[in-house]
Amino acid sequence: MNPRALLGWSLLALGGVAAAACGPADPPTDQRGWTDDFEIRIHADVVPPRAEEPTHYTVTVKDKKTRQPVVNGQGRIFATNSDRHTIWDGFTYGPEVGTYHATLTFLTAGEWAMGVQFRADSTKPLQRTLDWRQMIRVGLEPGEQETKP
């Protein structure tokens, strides 16, 4: 291959890498989970969540095979701490297509095991993601500013 062609191919490859890097990306703070039929993305409005303060979760659900958003499904997000105290909230649908909302208020700081259950409709069984661990911080100190991802 002549040097000019090699340079052309190199620039083309470099341009492709640069274009891919500029594309939209999910925030690195999103948690992802999968079930047999669903791909689930969980986004918390404050990362890490704080004890005794409501944390709003936005959950996006897609069909794993078709990659289409799942509309009007049913589910919940839940968490359990080392003292075996469990909290949960059922999903509220919308207004974005395939998006659900829930709010959890963690009672204590520390590590919580979290998970999501979801089904497309009431005729189907609930499917559960693998649990993940989430550290919960102590609430805001007086004068401390909240940071959002």
N, C-alpha and C. Protein backbone atom coordinates (compact mmCIF):
# COMPACT_ATOMS: atom_id res chain seq x y z
N MET A 1 0.86 -1.16 0.00
CA MET A 1 0.00 0.00 0.00
C MET A 1 0.91 1.23 0.00
N ASN A 2 0.57 2.21 -0.84
CA ASN A 2 1.41 3.39 -0.91
C ASN A 2 1.18 4.28 0.30
N PRO A 3 2.12 5.16 0.62
CA PRO A 3 2.03 5.99 1.82
C PRO A 3 0.81 6.90 1.82
N ARG A 4 0.40 7.42 0.65
CA ARG A 4 -0.75 8.31 0.60
C ARG A 4 -2.04 7.55 0.96
N ALA A 5 -2.21 6.33 0.45
CA ALA A 5 -3.38 5.51 0.77
C ALA A 5 -3.38 5.13 2.25
N LEU A 6 -2.21 4.80 2.79
CA LEU A 6 -2.09 4.46 4.20
C LEU A 6 -2.50 5.64 5.07
N LEU A 7 -2.06 6.84 4.69
CA LEU A 7 -2.43 8.05 5.43
C LEU A 7 -3.94 8.27 5.35
N GLY A 8 -4.53 8.06 4.20
CA GLY A 8 -5.97 8.23 4.03
C GLY A 8 -6.75 7.28 4.91
N TRP A 9 -6.36 6.01 4.93
CA TRP A 9 -7.04 5.03 5.79
C TRP A 9 -6.87 5.36 7.27
N SER A 10 -5.70 5.83 7.63
CA SER A 10 -5.44 6.19 9.03
C SER A 10 -6.33 7.35 9.46
N LEU A 11 -6.45 8.38 8.59
CA LEU A 11 -7.30 9.52 8.91
C LEU A 11 -8.77 9.12 8.98
N LEU A 12 -9.19 8.23 8.10
CA LEU A 12 -10.57 7.74 8.11
C LEU A 12 -10.86 7.00 9.42
N ALA A 13 -9.95 6.14 9.84
CA ALA A 13 -10.14 5.41 11.10
C ALA A 13 -10.16 6.35 12.29
N LEU A 14 -9.25 7.33 12.29
CA LEU A 14 -9.21 8.31 13.37
C LEU A 14 -10.50 9.13 13.42
N GLY A 15 -11.03 9.52 12.27
CA GLY A 15 -12.29 10.26 12.21
C GLY A 15 -13.44 9.43 12.76
N GLY A 16 -13.46 8.13 12.47
CA GLY A 16 -14.51 7.25 13.00
C GLY A 16 -14.46 7.15 14.51
N VAL A 17 -13.26 7.06 15.05
CA VAL A 17 -13.11 7.00 16.51
C VAL A 17 -13.58 8.31 17.13
N ALA A 18 -13.20 9.44 16.55
CA ALA A 18 -13.60 10.75 17.07
C ALA A 18 -15.12 10.92 17.00
N ALA A 19 -15.73 10.49 15.92
CA ALA A 19 -17.19 10.62 15.78
C ALA A 19 -17.91 9.75 16.81
N ALA A 20 -17.40 8.57 17.06
CA ALA A 20 -18.03 7.69 18.05
C ALA A 20 -17.92 8.29 19.45
N ALA A 21 -16.81 8.95 19.73
CA ALA A 21 -16.61 9.54 21.04
C ALA A 21 -17.55 10.72 21.28
N CYS A 22 -18.01 11.38 20.21
CA CYS A 22 -18.89 12.54 20.34
C CYS A 22 -20.36 12.17 20.43
N GLY A 23 -20.71 10.92 20.22
CA GLY A 23 -22.10 10.50 20.22
C GLY A 23 -22.70 10.54 21.62
N PRO A 24 -24.04 10.43 21.70
CA PRO A 24 -24.69 10.46 23.01
C PRO A 24 -24.29 9.25 23.84
N ALA A 25 -24.16 9.46 25.12
CA ALA A 25 -23.79 8.38 26.03
C ALA A 25 -24.67 8.45 27.27
N ASP A 26 -24.92 7.30 27.87
CA ASP A 26 -25.66 7.27 29.12
C ASP A 26 -24.75 7.80 30.22
N PRO A 27 -25.30 8.50 31.18
CA PRO A 27 -24.46 8.97 32.28
C PRO A 27 -23.76 7.80 32.96
N PRO A 28 -22.49 7.98 33.37
CA PRO A 28 -21.75 6.86 33.97
C PRO A 28 -22.32 6.45 35.33
N THR A 29 -23.23 7.24 35.87
CA THR A 29 -23.82 6.91 37.17
C THR A 29 -25.05 6.02 37.04
N ASP A 30 -25.53 5.78 35.84
CA ASP A 30 -26.70 4.91 35.65
C ASP A 30 -26.36 3.48 36.00
N GLN A 31 -27.31 2.79 36.63
CA GLN A 31 -27.17 1.37 36.91
C GLN A 31 -27.93 0.63 35.81
N ARG A 32 -27.39 -0.46 35.33
CA ARG A 32 -28.07 -1.25 34.30
C ARG A 32 -28.38 -2.63 34.85
N GLY A 33 -29.51 -3.16 34.42
CA GLY A 33 -29.89 -4.50 34.81
C GLY A 33 -30.61 -5.20 33.67
N TRP A 34 -30.57 -6.52 33.69
CA TRP A 34 -31.22 -7.30 32.65
C TRP A 34 -32.02 -8.42 33.30
N THR A 35 -33.12 -8.77 32.65
CA THR A 35 -33.89 -9.95 33.02
C THR A 35 -33.96 -10.82 31.76
N ASP A 36 -34.76 -11.86 31.79
CA ASP A 36 -34.89 -12.70 30.59
C ASP A 36 -35.41 -11.90 29.39
N ASP A 37 -36.33 -10.95 29.64
CA ASP A 37 -36.98 -10.24 28.54
C ASP A 37 -36.71 -8.74 28.47
N PHE A 38 -36.06 -8.15 29.49
CA PHE A 38 -35.95 -6.70 29.54
C PHE A 38 -34.53 -6.21 29.77
N GLU A 39 -34.26 -5.04 29.20
CA GLU A 39 -33.05 -4.28 29.49
C GLU A 39 -33.52 -3.06 30.29
N ILE A 40 -32.95 -2.87 31.48
CA ILE A 40 -33.44 -1.86 32.40
C ILE A 40 -32.30 -0.91 32.77
N ARG A 41 -32.55 0.39 32.65
CA ARG A 41 -31.57 1.41 33.05
C ARG A 41 -32.16 2.21 34.20
N ILE A 42 -31.41 2.33 35.30
CA ILE A 42 -31.88 3.01 36.51
C ILE A 42 -31.02 4.23 36.74
N HIS A 43 -31.66 5.40 36.83
CA HIS A 43 -30.95 6.65 37.05
C HIS A 43 -31.48 7.32 38.32
N ALA A 44 -30.58 7.61 39.26
CA ALA A 44 -30.95 8.32 40.49
C ALA A 44 -30.67 9.80 40.29
N ASP A 45 -31.54 10.66 40.84
CA ASP A 45 -31.34 12.10 40.68
C ASP A 45 -30.19 12.63 41.53
N VAL A 46 -29.79 11.91 42.57
CA VAL A 46 -28.64 12.29 43.39
C VAL A 46 -27.77 11.05 43.57
N VAL A 47 -26.47 11.18 43.26
CA VAL A 47 -25.56 10.05 43.38
C VAL A 47 -24.35 10.49 44.19
N PRO A 48 -24.00 9.80 45.27
CA PRO A 48 -24.78 8.74 45.88
C PRO A 48 -25.98 9.31 46.63
N PRO A 49 -27.02 8.51 46.79
CA PRO A 49 -28.20 8.98 47.54
C PRO A 49 -27.83 9.29 48.98
N ARG A 50 -28.67 10.10 49.62
CA ARG A 50 -28.43 10.49 51.00
C ARG A 50 -29.54 9.95 51.91
N ALA A 51 -29.15 9.58 53.12
CA ALA A 51 -30.10 9.08 54.10
C ALA A 51 -31.10 10.17 54.47
N GLU A 52 -32.33 9.75 54.72
CA GLU A 52 -33.42 10.60 55.18
C GLU A 52 -33.83 11.69 54.18
N GLU A 53 -33.43 11.54 52.92
CA GLU A 53 -33.85 12.46 51.87
C GLU A 53 -34.41 11.66 50.71
N PRO A 54 -35.52 12.10 50.12
CA PRO A 54 -36.09 11.35 48.99
C PRO A 54 -35.12 11.34 47.80
N THR A 55 -34.95 10.16 47.22
CA THR A 55 -34.16 10.01 45.99
C THR A 55 -35.11 9.57 44.90
N HIS A 56 -35.19 10.36 43.84
CA HIS A 56 -36.08 10.05 42.72
C HIS A 56 -35.32 9.18 41.72
N TYR A 57 -35.95 8.10 41.28
CA TYR A 57 -35.36 7.19 40.29
C TYR A 57 -36.16 7.27 39.00
N THR A 58 -35.45 7.36 37.90
CA THR A 58 -36.03 7.28 36.57
C THR A 58 -35.56 5.94 35.98
N VAL A 59 -36.51 5.09 35.62
CA VAL A 59 -36.20 3.74 35.16
C VAL A 59 -36.70 3.60 33.72
N THR A 60 -35.79 3.26 32.82
CA THR A 60 -36.13 3.09 31.42
C THR A 60 -36.08 1.60 31.10
N VAL A 61 -37.16 1.09 30.49
CA VAL A 61 -37.26 -0.35 30.21
C VAL A 61 -37.43 -0.56 28.71
N LYS A 62 -36.58 -1.44 28.15
CA LYS A 62 -36.69 -1.84 26.74
C LYS A 62 -36.85 -3.35 26.65
N ASP A 63 -37.57 -3.79 25.63
CA ASP A 63 -37.66 -5.21 25.32
C ASP A 63 -36.28 -5.66 24.84
N LYS A 64 -35.77 -6.73 25.41
CA LYS A 64 -34.41 -7.18 25.11
C LYS A 64 -34.24 -7.64 23.65
N LYS A 65 -35.28 -8.24 23.08
CA LYS A 65 -35.18 -8.74 21.71
C LYS A 65 -35.39 -7.65 20.66
N THR A 66 -36.45 -6.86 20.84
CA THR A 66 -36.81 -5.86 19.83
C THR A 66 -36.14 -4.50 20.06
N ARG A 67 -35.62 -4.28 21.30
CA ARG A 67 -35.00 -3.01 21.70
C ARG A 67 -36.01 -1.85 21.72
N GLN A 68 -37.30 -2.18 21.72
CA GLN A 68 -38.35 -1.17 21.78
C GLN A 68 -38.71 -0.86 23.23
N PRO A 69 -39.09 0.39 23.53
CA PRO A 69 -39.52 0.74 24.89
C PRO A 69 -40.76 -0.06 25.29
N VAL A 70 -40.82 -0.45 26.56
CA VAL A 70 -41.97 -1.17 27.08
C VAL A 70 -42.94 -0.15 27.67
N VAL A 71 -44.15 -0.13 27.13
CA VAL A 71 -45.16 0.86 27.50
C VAL A 71 -46.13 0.27 28.52
N ASN A 72 -46.46 1.05 29.56
CA ASN A 72 -47.46 0.69 30.56
C ASN A 72 -47.19 -0.64 31.28
N GLY A 73 -45.93 -0.92 31.56
CA GLY A 73 -45.59 -2.10 32.34
C GLY A 73 -45.80 -1.85 33.82
N GLN A 74 -45.41 -2.82 34.63
CA GLN A 74 -45.55 -2.72 36.08
C GLN A 74 -44.24 -3.15 36.73
N GLY A 75 -43.86 -2.43 37.79
CA GLY A 75 -42.64 -2.82 38.47
C GLY A 75 -42.42 -2.05 39.74
N ARG A 76 -41.28 -2.31 40.35
CA ARG A 76 -40.92 -1.62 41.58
C ARG A 76 -39.41 -1.64 41.74
N ILE A 77 -38.90 -0.70 42.52
CA ILE A 77 -37.51 -0.68 42.93
C ILE A 77 -37.51 -0.89 44.43
N PHE A 78 -36.53 -1.62 44.95
CA PHE A 78 -36.51 -1.92 46.37
C PHE A 78 -35.08 -1.96 46.87
N ALA A 79 -34.93 -1.84 48.19
CA ALA A 79 -33.61 -1.86 48.81
C ALA A 79 -33.71 -2.44 50.21
N THR A 80 -32.66 -3.16 50.63
CA THR A 80 -32.60 -3.75 51.97
C THR A 80 -31.24 -3.46 52.57
N ASN A 81 -31.22 -3.01 53.84
CA ASN A 81 -29.93 -2.73 54.49
C ASN A 81 -29.49 -3.93 55.33
N SER A 82 -28.36 -3.79 56.01
CA SER A 82 -27.80 -4.91 56.79
C SER A 82 -28.67 -5.28 57.99
N ASP A 83 -29.52 -4.37 58.43
CA ASP A 83 -30.45 -4.67 59.53
C ASP A 83 -31.72 -5.36 59.02
N ARG A 84 -31.76 -5.66 57.71
CA ARG A 84 -32.88 -6.33 57.04
C ARG A 84 -34.12 -5.44 56.93
N HIS A 85 -33.92 -4.13 57.01
CA HIS A 85 -35.03 -3.21 56.79
C HIS A 85 -35.18 -3.01 55.28
N THR A 86 -36.38 -3.20 54.75
CA THR A 86 -36.62 -3.10 53.32
C THR A 86 -37.54 -1.92 53.02
N ILE A 87 -37.18 -1.19 51.96
CA ILE A 87 -38.02 -0.11 51.44
C ILE A 87 -38.28 -0.39 49.97
N TRP A 88 -39.37 0.13 49.43
CA TRP A 88 -39.68 -0.06 48.01
C TRP A 88 -40.65 1.02 47.57
N ASP A 89 -40.74 1.15 46.24
CA ASP A 89 -41.77 2.01 45.65
C ASP A 89 -42.14 1.43 44.30
N GLY A 90 -43.44 1.41 44.02
CA GLY A 90 -43.94 0.95 42.72
C GLY A 90 -43.72 2.02 41.66
N PHE A 91 -43.57 1.58 40.43
CA PHE A 91 -43.32 2.51 39.32
C PHE A 91 -44.59 3.25 38.91
N THR A 92 -44.41 4.50 38.56
CA THR A 92 -45.43 5.32 37.92
C THR A 92 -44.96 5.53 36.49
N TYR A 93 -45.83 5.26 35.53
CA TYR A 93 -45.44 5.35 34.11
C TYR A 93 -45.43 6.78 33.60
N GLY A 94 -44.43 7.08 32.73
CA GLY A 94 -44.40 8.27 31.89
C GLY A 94 -43.88 9.52 32.54
N PRO A 95 -43.95 10.62 31.82
CA PRO A 95 -44.60 10.81 30.53
C PRO A 95 -43.74 10.37 29.33
N GLU A 96 -42.45 10.10 29.54
CA GLU A 96 -41.60 9.65 28.44
C GLU A 96 -41.92 8.20 28.10
N VAL A 97 -41.86 7.84 26.82
CA VAL A 97 -42.17 6.48 26.38
C VAL A 97 -41.17 5.50 27.00
N GLY A 98 -41.69 4.44 27.62
CA GLY A 98 -40.83 3.41 28.19
C GLY A 98 -40.14 3.81 29.48
N THR A 99 -40.58 4.91 30.09
CA THR A 99 -39.92 5.42 31.29
C THR A 99 -40.86 5.39 32.49
N TYR A 100 -40.32 5.01 33.62
CA TYR A 100 -41.07 4.85 34.85
C TYR A 100 -40.36 5.66 35.95
N HIS A 101 -41.12 6.04 36.98
CA HIS A 101 -40.56 6.85 38.06
C HIS A 101 -40.91 6.25 39.40
N ALA A 102 -39.98 6.38 40.36
CA ALA A 102 -40.20 5.91 41.73
C ALA A 102 -39.32 6.74 42.65
N THR A 103 -39.68 6.76 43.93
CA THR A 103 -38.92 7.52 44.93
C THR A 103 -38.68 6.64 46.15
N LEU A 104 -37.43 6.61 46.61
CA LEU A 104 -37.07 5.90 47.83
C LEU A 104 -36.47 6.89 48.82
N THR A 105 -36.77 6.69 50.10
CA THR A 105 -36.13 7.46 51.17
C THR A 105 -35.41 6.45 52.07
N PHE A 106 -34.09 6.47 52.01
CA PHE A 106 -33.27 5.55 52.81
C PHE A 106 -33.23 6.07 54.25
N LEU A 107 -33.48 5.19 55.21
CA LEU A 107 -33.56 5.59 56.60
C LEU A 107 -32.19 5.82 57.23
N THR A 108 -31.20 5.07 56.77
CA THR A 108 -29.88 5.16 57.37
C THR A 108 -28.80 5.21 56.29
N ALA A 109 -27.67 5.76 56.65
CA ALA A 109 -26.51 5.73 55.76
C ALA A 109 -25.91 4.32 55.82
N GLY A 110 -25.08 4.00 54.84
CA GLY A 110 -24.43 2.69 54.79
C GLY A 110 -24.75 1.99 53.49
N GLU A 111 -24.42 0.71 53.44
CA GLU A 111 -24.60 -0.07 52.22
C GLU A 111 -25.99 -0.71 52.19
N TRP A 112 -26.66 -0.59 51.06
CA TRP A 112 -27.98 -1.18 50.84
C TRP A 112 -27.89 -2.08 49.60
N ALA A 113 -28.55 -3.23 49.65
CA ALA A 113 -28.70 -4.09 48.47
C ALA A 113 -29.95 -3.62 47.75
N MET A 114 -29.85 -3.41 46.42
CA MET A 114 -30.97 -2.87 45.65
C MET A 114 -31.31 -3.80 44.50
N GLY A 115 -32.55 -3.70 44.04
CA GLY A 115 -32.99 -4.49 42.91
C GLY A 115 -34.23 -3.90 42.28
N VAL A 116 -34.59 -4.44 41.12
CA VAL A 116 -35.78 -4.01 40.38
C VAL A 116 -36.54 -5.26 39.95
N GLN A 117 -37.86 -5.20 40.05
CA GLN A 117 -38.74 -6.22 39.49
C GLN A 117 -39.62 -5.54 38.45
N PHE A 118 -39.90 -6.26 37.34
CA PHE A 118 -40.69 -5.66 36.27
C PHE A 118 -41.42 -6.75 35.49
N ARG A 119 -42.59 -6.36 34.95
CA ARG A 119 -43.33 -7.20 34.01
C ARG A 119 -44.04 -6.29 33.02
N ALA A 120 -44.30 -6.84 31.83
CA ALA A 120 -44.92 -6.06 30.77
C ALA A 120 -46.38 -5.75 31.08
N ASP A 121 -47.08 -6.69 31.73
CA ASP A 121 -48.48 -6.46 32.13
C ASP A 121 -48.84 -7.47 33.21
N SER A 122 -50.04 -7.34 33.76
CA SER A 122 -50.46 -8.15 34.91
C SER A 122 -50.63 -9.63 34.59
N THR A 123 -50.64 -10.01 33.32
CA THR A 123 -50.76 -11.42 32.96
C THR A 123 -49.41 -12.14 32.95
N LYS A 124 -48.33 -11.40 33.09
CA LYS A 124 -46.97 -11.96 33.02
C LYS A 124 -46.35 -12.00 34.42
N PRO A 125 -45.42 -12.92 34.66
CA PRO A 125 -44.75 -12.96 35.96
C PRO A 125 -43.73 -11.82 36.09
N LEU A 126 -43.49 -11.39 37.33
CA LEU A 126 -42.45 -10.40 37.59
C LEU A 126 -41.09 -11.01 37.29
N GLN A 127 -40.20 -10.23 36.67
CA GLN A 127 -38.83 -10.64 36.43
C GLN A 127 -37.92 -9.71 37.22
N ARG A 128 -36.87 -10.27 37.79
CA ARG A 128 -36.01 -9.52 38.70
C ARG A 128 -34.60 -9.39 38.14
N THR A 129 -34.05 -8.19 38.27
CA THR A 129 -32.64 -7.97 37.91
C THR A 129 -31.76 -8.57 39.00
N LEU A 130 -30.49 -8.72 38.71
CA LEU A 130 -29.54 -9.06 39.76
C LEU A 130 -29.44 -7.87 40.71
N ASP A 131 -29.30 -8.13 41.99
CA ASP A 131 -29.17 -7.05 42.96
C ASP A 131 -27.82 -6.37 42.79
N TRP A 132 -27.75 -5.11 43.19
CA TRP A 132 -26.49 -4.39 43.23
C TRP A 132 -26.37 -3.71 44.59
N ARG A 133 -25.18 -3.27 44.93
CA ARG A 133 -24.92 -2.61 46.21
C ARG A 133 -24.84 -1.11 45.98
N GLN A 134 -25.46 -0.36 46.89
CA GLN A 134 -25.44 1.11 46.79
C GLN A 134 -25.05 1.69 48.15
N MET A 135 -24.03 2.53 48.16
CA MET A 135 -23.67 3.24 49.39
C MET A 135 -24.59 4.45 49.53
N ILE A 136 -25.12 4.64 50.72
CA ILE A 136 -25.98 5.77 51.03
C ILE A 136 -25.20 6.68 51.99
N ARG A 137 -25.10 7.94 51.62
CA ARG A 137 -24.36 8.91 52.43
C ARG A 137 -25.23 9.48 53.53
N VAL A 138 -24.56 10.07 54.51
CA VAL A 138 -25.24 10.85 55.53
C VAL A 138 -25.86 12.05 54.83
N GLY A 139 -26.98 12.57 55.32
CA GLY A 139 -27.66 13.72 54.70
C GLY A 139 -26.75 14.93 54.59
N LEU A 140 -27.23 15.96 53.91
CA LEU A 140 -26.47 17.20 53.71
C LEU A 140 -26.14 17.87 55.04
N GLU A 141 -24.93 18.34 55.12
CA GLU A 141 -24.51 19.16 56.27
C GLU A 141 -25.06 20.57 56.07
N PRO A 142 -25.26 21.33 57.13
CA PRO A 142 -25.72 22.72 56.97
C PRO A 142 -24.76 23.50 56.07
N GLY A 143 -25.31 24.15 55.05
CA GLY A 143 -24.52 24.95 54.10
C GLY A 143 -23.93 24.15 52.95
N GLU A 144 -24.04 22.81 52.96
CA GLU A 144 -23.50 21.98 51.88
C GLU A 144 -24.43 22.06 50.69
N GLN A 145 -23.86 22.14 49.48
CA GLN A 145 -24.63 22.19 48.24
C GLN A 145 -24.86 20.79 47.70
N GLU A 146 -26.07 20.54 47.18
CA GLU A 146 -26.40 19.26 46.56
C GLU A 146 -25.77 19.21 45.19
N THR A 147 -25.18 18.04 44.82
CA THR A 147 -24.63 17.84 43.49
C THR A 147 -25.48 16.83 42.76
N LYS A 148 -25.74 17.11 41.50
CA LYS A 148 -26.54 16.19 40.67
C LYS A 148 -25.66 15.69 39.54
N PRO A 149 -25.84 14.40 39.17
CA PRO A 149 -25.01 13.84 38.09
C PRO A 149 -25.34 14.47 36.75
